[in-house]
Protein backbone atom coordinates (compact mmCIF):
# COMPACT_ATOMS: atom_id res chain seq x y z
CA UNK A 1 114.33 144.55 29.42
CA UNK A 2 115.91 147.19 31.65
CA UNK A 3 118.74 146.02 33.88
CA UNK A 4 117.24 145.59 37.35
CA UNK A 5 118.11 143.94 40.64
CA UNK A 6 115.53 141.66 42.24
CA UNK A 7 116.54 141.06 45.82
CA UNK A 8 113.90 138.37 46.22
CA UNK A 9 115.80 136.34 43.58
CA UNK A 10 119.01 136.90 45.52
CA UNK A 11 117.28 135.70 48.70
CA UNK A 12 115.88 132.62 46.96
CA UNK A 13 119.37 131.75 45.67
CA UNK A 14 120.84 132.15 49.15
CA UNK A 15 118.09 130.20 50.95
CA UNK A 16 118.05 127.34 48.47
CA UNK A 17 121.86 126.93 48.66
CA UNK A 18 121.54 126.98 52.49
CA UNK A 19 119.00 124.20 52.18
CA UNK A 20 121.47 122.36 49.89
CA UNK A 21 124.13 122.46 52.65
CA UNK A 22 121.64 121.23 55.28
CA UNK A 23 120.52 118.53 52.86
CA UNK A 24 124.07 117.28 52.35
CA UNK A 25 124.62 117.14 56.11
CA UNK A 26 121.42 115.10 56.32
CA UNK A 27 122.72 112.68 53.69
CA UNK A 28 125.22 111.49 56.31
CA UNK A 29 122.34 110.10 58.36
CA UNK A 30 119.74 108.71 55.89
CA UNK A 31 119.82 105.31 54.11
CA UNK A 32 120.15 106.84 50.62
CA UNK A 33 123.47 106.37 48.87
CA UNK A 34 126.15 108.96 49.76
CA UNK A 35 129.92 109.12 50.13
CA UNK A 36 130.18 108.23 53.83
CA UNK A 37 127.54 107.24 56.40
CA UNK A 38 126.99 107.62 60.11
CA UNK A 39 127.13 104.46 62.19
CA UNK A 40 123.42 104.99 62.99
CA UNK A 41 120.90 105.56 60.22
CA UNK A 42 117.97 107.87 61.00
CA UNK A 43 114.90 106.90 58.96
CA UNK A 44 112.62 109.81 59.93
CA UNK A 45 114.99 112.31 58.26
CA UNK A 46 113.92 110.95 54.90
CA UNK A 47 110.57 112.82 55.13
CA UNK A 48 111.82 116.44 55.37
CA UNK A 49 114.67 115.68 52.99
CA UNK A 50 112.30 114.02 50.53
CA UNK A 51 110.07 117.10 50.67
CA UNK A 52 112.85 119.55 49.83
CA UNK A 53 114.28 117.16 47.28
CA UNK A 54 111.23 117.69 45.12
CA UNK A 55 112.02 121.33 44.27
CA UNK A 56 115.44 122.37 45.55
CA UNK A 57 117.30 121.58 42.28
CA UNK A 58 114.55 122.59 39.81
CA UNK A 59 114.28 126.05 41.40
CA UNK A 60 118.05 126.54 41.10
CA UNK A 61 117.92 125.94 37.38
CA UNK A 62 114.87 128.18 37.12
CA UNK A 63 116.67 130.95 38.99
CA UNK A 64 119.62 130.46 36.67
CA UNK A 65 117.30 131.00 33.72
CA UNK A 66 115.98 134.15 35.33
CA UNK A 67 119.54 135.40 35.93
CA UNK A 68 120.39 134.65 32.30
CA UNK A 69 117.55 136.90 31.12
CA UNK A 70 118.86 139.77 33.22
CA UNK A 71 122.43 139.11 32.04
CA UNK A 72 121.38 139.17 28.36
CA UNK A 73 119.58 142.47 28.85
CA UNK A 74 122.95 144.22 28.66
CA UNK A 75 125.29 141.63 27.08
CA UNK A 76 125.83 140.31 23.59
CA UNK A 77 125.81 136.57 23.02
CA UNK A 78 129.62 136.49 22.79
CA UNK A 79 129.95 138.43 26.03
CA UNK A 80 127.48 136.11 27.75
CA UNK A 81 129.23 132.93 26.61
CA UNK A 82 132.61 134.32 27.65
CA UNK A 83 131.18 135.21 31.05
CA UNK A 84 129.71 131.70 31.43
CA UNK A 85 133.07 130.06 30.78
CA UNK A 86 134.72 132.32 33.36
CA UNK A 87 132.02 131.83 35.97
CA UNK A 88 131.31 128.11 35.40
CA UNK A 89 134.17 126.30 33.70
CA UNK A 90 137.06 127.82 35.65
CA UNK A 91 135.48 127.17 39.08
CA UNK A 92 134.55 123.65 37.92
CA UNK A 93 138.14 122.89 36.89
CA UNK A 94 139.54 124.39 40.10
CA UNK A 95 136.99 122.53 42.22
CA UNK A 96 137.79 119.19 40.60
CA UNK A 97 141.52 119.64 41.20
CA UNK A 98 141.39 121.22 44.68
CA UNK A 99 138.06 120.65 46.42
CA UNK A 100 136.87 117.19 45.31
CA UNK A 101 139.96 115.01 45.91
CA UNK A 102 139.68 115.08 49.75
CA UNK A 103 136.10 113.81 49.49
CA UNK A 104 137.10 110.87 47.35
CA UNK A 105 140.11 110.15 49.53
CA UNK A 106 138.02 109.99 52.71
CA UNK A 107 135.51 107.72 51.01
CA UNK A 108 138.35 105.35 50.05
CA UNK A 109 139.62 105.48 53.63
CA UNK A 110 136.24 104.61 55.04
CA UNK A 111 135.79 101.79 52.53
CA UNK A 112 139.20 100.42 53.39
CA UNK A 113 140.50 100.86 49.80
CA UNK A 114 143.63 102.78 50.89
CA UNK A 115 145.83 103.35 53.92
CA UNK A 116 148.00 106.00 52.30
CA UNK A 117 148.22 109.62 53.38
CA UNK A 118 146.30 112.09 51.25
CA UNK A 119 149.35 113.36 49.38
CA UNK A 120 150.55 109.81 48.73
CA UNK A 121 147.10 108.90 47.40
CA UNK A 122 146.48 112.09 45.37
CA UNK A 123 147.92 110.80 42.05
CA UNK A 124 145.34 108.00 42.22
CA UNK A 125 142.58 110.62 41.96
CA UNK A 126 143.25 110.67 38.20
CA UNK A 127 142.90 106.88 37.95
CA UNK A 128 139.55 105.95 36.38
CA UNK A 129 136.17 107.65 36.59
CA UNK A 130 134.14 107.57 39.78
CA UNK A 131 132.61 105.41 41.24
CA UNK A 132 134.76 102.54 39.90
CA UNK A 133 137.67 104.99 39.67
CA UNK A 134 138.40 108.19 41.57
CA UNK A 135 138.12 111.10 39.12
CA UNK A 136 134.87 112.99 39.72
CA UNK A 137 133.15 116.35 40.03
CA UNK A 138 130.86 115.09 42.85
CA UNK A 139 128.53 117.89 44.01
CA UNK A 140 129.88 120.32 41.40
CA UNK A 141 127.83 118.52 38.68
CA UNK A 142 125.52 121.56 38.63
CA UNK A 143 128.22 123.64 36.89
CA UNK A 144 128.77 121.54 33.70
CA UNK A 145 125.02 121.07 33.35
CA UNK A 146 124.40 124.80 33.61
CA UNK A 147 127.26 125.54 31.23
CA UNK A 148 125.88 123.12 28.67
CA UNK A 149 122.36 124.58 28.98
CA UNK A 150 123.71 128.11 28.58
CA UNK A 151 125.60 127.24 25.40
CA UNK A 152 122.70 125.33 23.80
CA UNK A 153 120.05 127.93 24.68
CA UNK A 154 121.92 131.13 23.82
CA UNK A 155 120.65 131.35 20.17
CA UNK A 156 117.10 130.75 21.43
CA UNK A 157 117.47 133.31 24.20
CA UNK A 158 118.71 135.92 21.74
CA UNK A 159 115.37 135.62 19.95
CA UNK A 160 113.27 135.51 23.07
CA UNK A 161 114.81 138.64 24.57
CA UNK A 162 113.40 140.82 21.76
CA UNK A 163 110.55 143.04 22.90
CA UNK A 164 108.28 141.93 20.08
CA UNK A 165 108.87 138.17 20.38
CA UNK A 166 105.56 136.42 19.71
CA UNK A 167 106.05 133.55 22.14
CA UNK A 168 106.84 135.81 25.08
CA UNK A 169 104.00 138.19 24.19
CA UNK A 170 101.62 135.18 23.95
CA UNK A 171 102.77 133.92 27.37
CA UNK A 172 102.40 137.38 28.94
CA UNK A 173 98.87 137.71 27.49
CA UNK A 174 97.89 134.33 28.92
CA UNK A 175 99.20 135.19 32.36
CA UNK A 176 97.46 138.58 32.33
CA UNK A 177 94.26 136.79 31.47
CA UNK A 178 94.70 134.26 34.32
CA UNK A 179 97.67 133.64 36.59
CA UNK A 180 96.80 129.94 36.62
CA UNK A 181 98.19 129.64 33.10
CA UNK A 182 101.59 129.44 34.77
CA UNK A 183 100.75 125.77 35.29
CA UNK A 184 101.01 125.23 31.50
CA UNK A 185 104.68 124.46 32.10
CA UNK A 186 103.63 121.33 33.99
CA UNK A 187 102.47 119.69 30.77
CA UNK A 188 105.89 119.01 29.15
CA UNK A 189 107.31 118.24 32.60
CA UNK A 190 104.73 115.53 33.22
CA UNK A 191 105.61 113.83 29.90
CA UNK A 192 109.32 113.94 30.79
CA UNK A 193 108.58 112.51 34.24
CA UNK A 194 106.31 109.76 32.89
CA UNK A 195 108.35 108.58 29.92
CA UNK A 196 112.00 109.45 30.66
CA UNK A 197 112.40 109.04 34.42
CA UNK A 198 111.85 105.22 34.38
CA UNK A 199 114.39 104.76 31.54
CA UNK A 200 117.20 107.11 32.57
CA UNK A 201 118.03 107.11 36.30
CA UNK A 202 119.78 110.28 37.41
CA UNK A 203 123.57 109.85 37.54
CA UNK A 204 124.85 113.44 37.46
CA UNK A 205 127.58 112.26 35.06
CA UNK A 206 126.24 114.22 32.07
CA UNK A 207 126.73 111.22 29.77
CA UNK A 208 123.51 109.21 29.55
CA UNK A 209 121.71 111.39 32.12
CA UNK A 210 118.90 112.18 29.66
CA UNK A 211 116.03 112.50 32.14
CA UNK A 212 117.86 114.99 34.33
CA UNK A 213 119.21 116.91 31.33
CA UNK A 214 115.78 117.37 29.74
CA UNK A 215 113.97 118.08 33.01
CA UNK A 216 116.41 120.69 34.27
CA UNK A 217 116.73 122.23 30.84
CA UNK A 218 112.97 122.85 30.80
CA UNK A 219 113.22 124.61 34.14
CA UNK A 220 116.12 126.70 32.84
CA UNK A 221 114.07 127.71 29.79
CA UNK A 222 110.96 128.34 31.93
CA UNK A 223 112.88 130.76 34.15
CA UNK A 224 114.00 132.76 31.13
CA UNK A 225 110.55 132.79 29.51
CA UNK A 226 108.59 133.74 32.63
CA UNK A 227 110.91 136.54 33.69
CA UNK A 228 110.79 137.88 30.15
CA UNK A 229 107.13 138.73 30.73
CA UNK A 230 108.32 141.34 33.24
CA UNK A 231 105.96 142.36 36.02
CA UNK A 232 103.34 139.99 34.70
CA UNK A 233 105.26 137.05 36.14
CA UNK A 234 105.66 138.64 39.59
CA UNK A 235 102.00 139.65 39.76
CA UNK A 236 100.94 136.14 38.72
CA UNK A 237 102.95 134.27 41.36
CA UNK A 238 101.71 136.64 44.05
CA UNK A 239 98.07 136.17 42.94
CA UNK A 240 98.12 132.39 43.17
CA UNK A 241 100.65 131.82 45.97
CA UNK A 242 97.97 130.65 48.42
CA UNK A 243 96.37 128.40 45.81
CA UNK A 244 99.77 126.86 45.09
CA UNK A 245 100.42 126.43 48.80
CA UNK A 246 97.18 124.50 49.27
CA UNK A 247 97.86 122.43 46.16
CA UNK A 248 101.37 121.59 47.40
CA UNK A 249 100.01 120.61 50.80
CA UNK A 250 97.60 118.23 49.08
CA UNK A 251 99.96 116.79 46.48
CA UNK A 252 102.89 115.86 48.69
CA UNK A 253 101.00 113.59 51.10
CA UNK A 254 99.18 112.00 48.17
CA UNK A 255 102.53 111.46 46.41
CA UNK A 256 103.92 109.80 49.52
CA UNK A 257 100.87 107.50 49.71
CA UNK A 258 101.28 106.39 46.09
CA UNK A 259 105.04 105.86 46.54
CA UNK A 260 104.48 103.60 49.58
CA UNK A 261 101.40 101.74 48.37
CA UNK A 262 101.45 101.61 44.56
CA UNK A 263 104.33 100.27 42.47
CA UNK A 264 103.32 102.17 39.36
CA UNK A 265 100.60 104.68 38.57
CA UNK A 266 99.87 107.38 36.03
CA UNK A 267 99.11 109.64 39.00
CA UNK A 268 102.68 109.52 40.36
CA UNK A 269 104.32 111.69 37.64
CA UNK A 270 101.31 114.04 37.64
CA UNK A 271 101.40 114.50 41.41
CA UNK A 272 105.18 114.79 41.45
CA UNK A 273 105.27 117.63 38.89
CA UNK A 274 102.25 119.44 40.37
CA UNK A 275 103.87 119.24 43.81
CA UNK A 276 107.26 120.35 42.47
CA UNK A 277 105.88 123.28 40.48
CA UNK A 278 103.45 124.41 43.22
CA UNK A 279 106.14 124.78 45.87
CA UNK A 280 108.27 126.72 43.42
CA UNK A 281 105.38 129.12 42.75
CA UNK A 282 104.92 129.43 46.53
CA UNK A 283 108.58 130.34 46.99
CA UNK A 284 108.51 132.89 44.18
CA UNK A 285 105.16 134.35 45.27
CA UNK A 286 105.95 134.86 48.94
CA UNK A 287 109.52 136.04 48.13
CA UNK A 288 108.18 138.63 45.71
CA UNK A 289 105.77 139.83 48.44
CA UNK A 290 108.18 140.02 51.37
CA UNK A 291 111.83 139.67 50.32
CA UNK A 292 112.34 142.12 47.46
CA UNK A 293 114.15 144.59 49.69
CA UNK A 294 117.70 145.84 49.47
CA UNK A 295 119.93 145.09 52.43
CA UNK A 296 123.54 144.48 53.44
CA UNK A 297 122.86 140.92 54.53
CA UNK A 298 121.44 139.75 51.22
CA UNK A 299 124.20 141.53 49.30
CA UNK A 300 126.93 139.89 51.35
CA UNK A 301 125.33 136.44 51.36
CA UNK A 302 124.54 136.48 47.67
CA UNK A 303 128.17 137.22 46.84
CA UNK A 304 129.27 134.38 49.15
CA UNK A 305 126.87 131.78 47.71
CA UNK A 306 129.17 130.49 45.01
CA UNK A 307 132.22 129.87 47.22
CA UNK A 308 129.96 128.29 49.85
CA UNK A 309 128.53 125.95 47.25
CA UNK A 310 131.96 124.90 45.97
CA UNK A 311 133.54 124.32 49.38
CA UNK A 312 130.80 123.08 51.67
CA UNK A 313 130.55 119.34 50.90
CA UNK A 314 134.26 118.70 51.33
CA UNK A 315 134.11 120.27 54.78
CA UNK A 316 130.95 118.28 55.60
CA UNK A 317 132.64 115.00 54.59
CA UNK A 318 135.81 115.78 56.56
CA UNK A 319 133.83 116.57 59.71
CA UNK A 320 131.65 113.53 59.20
CA UNK A 321 134.68 111.29 58.91
CA UNK A 322 135.73 112.12 62.46
CA UNK A 323 132.17 111.67 63.78
CA UNK A 324 131.20 108.37 62.12
CA UNK A 325 131.82 106.21 65.20
CA UNK A 326 131.69 108.90 67.87
CA UNK A 327 129.63 107.79 70.86
CA UNK A 328 127.31 110.77 70.91
CA UNK A 329 123.64 111.34 69.93
CA UNK A 330 123.01 111.75 66.22
CA UNK A 331 121.39 115.16 66.95
CA UNK A 332 124.64 116.41 68.40
CA UNK A 333 126.55 115.09 65.38
CA UNK A 334 124.12 116.87 63.08
CA UNK A 335 124.58 120.18 64.88
CA UNK A 336 128.38 119.82 64.90
CA UNK A 337 128.43 119.08 61.17
CA UNK A 338 126.03 121.86 60.31
CA UNK A 339 127.70 124.56 62.43
CA UNK A 340 131.16 123.33 61.40
CA UNK A 341 130.31 123.32 57.69
CA UNK A 342 128.84 126.83 57.72
CA UNK A 343 131.48 128.17 60.11
CA UNK A 344 134.59 126.79 58.41
CA UNK A 345 133.27 127.66 54.95
CA UNK A 346 132.59 131.21 56.08
CA UNK A 347 136.07 131.55 57.59
CA UNK A 348 137.71 130.31 54.38
CA UNK A 349 135.57 132.72 52.37
CA UNK A 350 135.93 135.75 54.59
CA UNK A 351 139.60 135.46 55.57
CA UNK A 352 141.09 134.03 52.37
CA UNK A 353 138.97 133.74 49.21
CA UNK A 354 137.46 137.21 49.13
CA UNK A 355 140.76 138.84 50.13
CA UNK A 356 143.12 137.11 47.69
CA UNK A 357 142.52 138.38 44.13
CA UNK A 358 144.03 135.33 42.42
CA UNK A 359 141.54 133.01 44.22
CA UNK A 360 138.40 134.95 43.28
CA UNK A 361 137.93 133.57 39.74
CA UNK A 362 138.62 130.03 40.99
CA UNK A 363 135.55 130.31 43.17
CA UNK A 364 133.31 132.17 40.76
CA UNK A 365 133.78 135.62 42.28
CA UNK A 366 133.84 138.74 40.17
CA UNK A 367 136.39 141.48 40.88
CA UNK A 368 135.28 144.12 43.32
């Protein structure tokens, strides 16, 4: 595969991480478990957040698989693994030591577990593993999962990247015959959803998180496999983007009905995966049609994505702490938290991180 730059993939990465930031602001207001909560819970927010929650993480792992295929088009396995450690492990370690402690501290303040100042409390961060203890990687769980997937899959990817690989050629032939064959990936996903999800609730702790590990690993592999078919993949998602849109619009309301009215049904895992996969095809299809264009905005924002991801939730939690009991409408709180999170994160990125060479590797940035 020739080294190329797909700006639609860059846009997808940027948009999905923007949605992640909005989602984490929303977690302050909904009844689902999170680190701190507003004094007023807003039930209606669960609907839009539940919709995006179906595909926002799977598409990130799929995009990571796509990026891996491009990376391995001009890197050896040793170079790729070395690059993964630099881009994943170092920011994870820095994030755990610098970015995560304020989140845990504020949670302990809100819960009444400490009255110390942050610097007095900081040594306690290394006492026990969250949630019973304090040591955690919180929202940075994506990094160790992706690092693990990269290490495990590298030998497989080295075989799949060959031009004459039978599996990739078979997949390309199927997609050329009919773009609807892209839904073949739903088959293993349905089995994982049906048989693993009830047994292994997601904990983002890596240990014992078997359902999430297998599910996200399949998306990671799928991204690599599909992009290895070259233009066949992009033509396929464009051909069936309207079909997938209609299917997604049907599946999500049906899924909600089953969730609210049926305790258990074989249709729930089927609908969940079809809904999840369809919206991902929609995003890839319409992005390929309209967003694969070079521009200064996408270049700047794509470079800033990683620092934004690492920093944002700590800023959200800090702002939320000062708004918990504020006597203002929840909509105003939401806007303050959203604008504040994006604005402060951008200021830290623009004025400090991207201008201080020693900080760049700590936040996953490559040298200029």
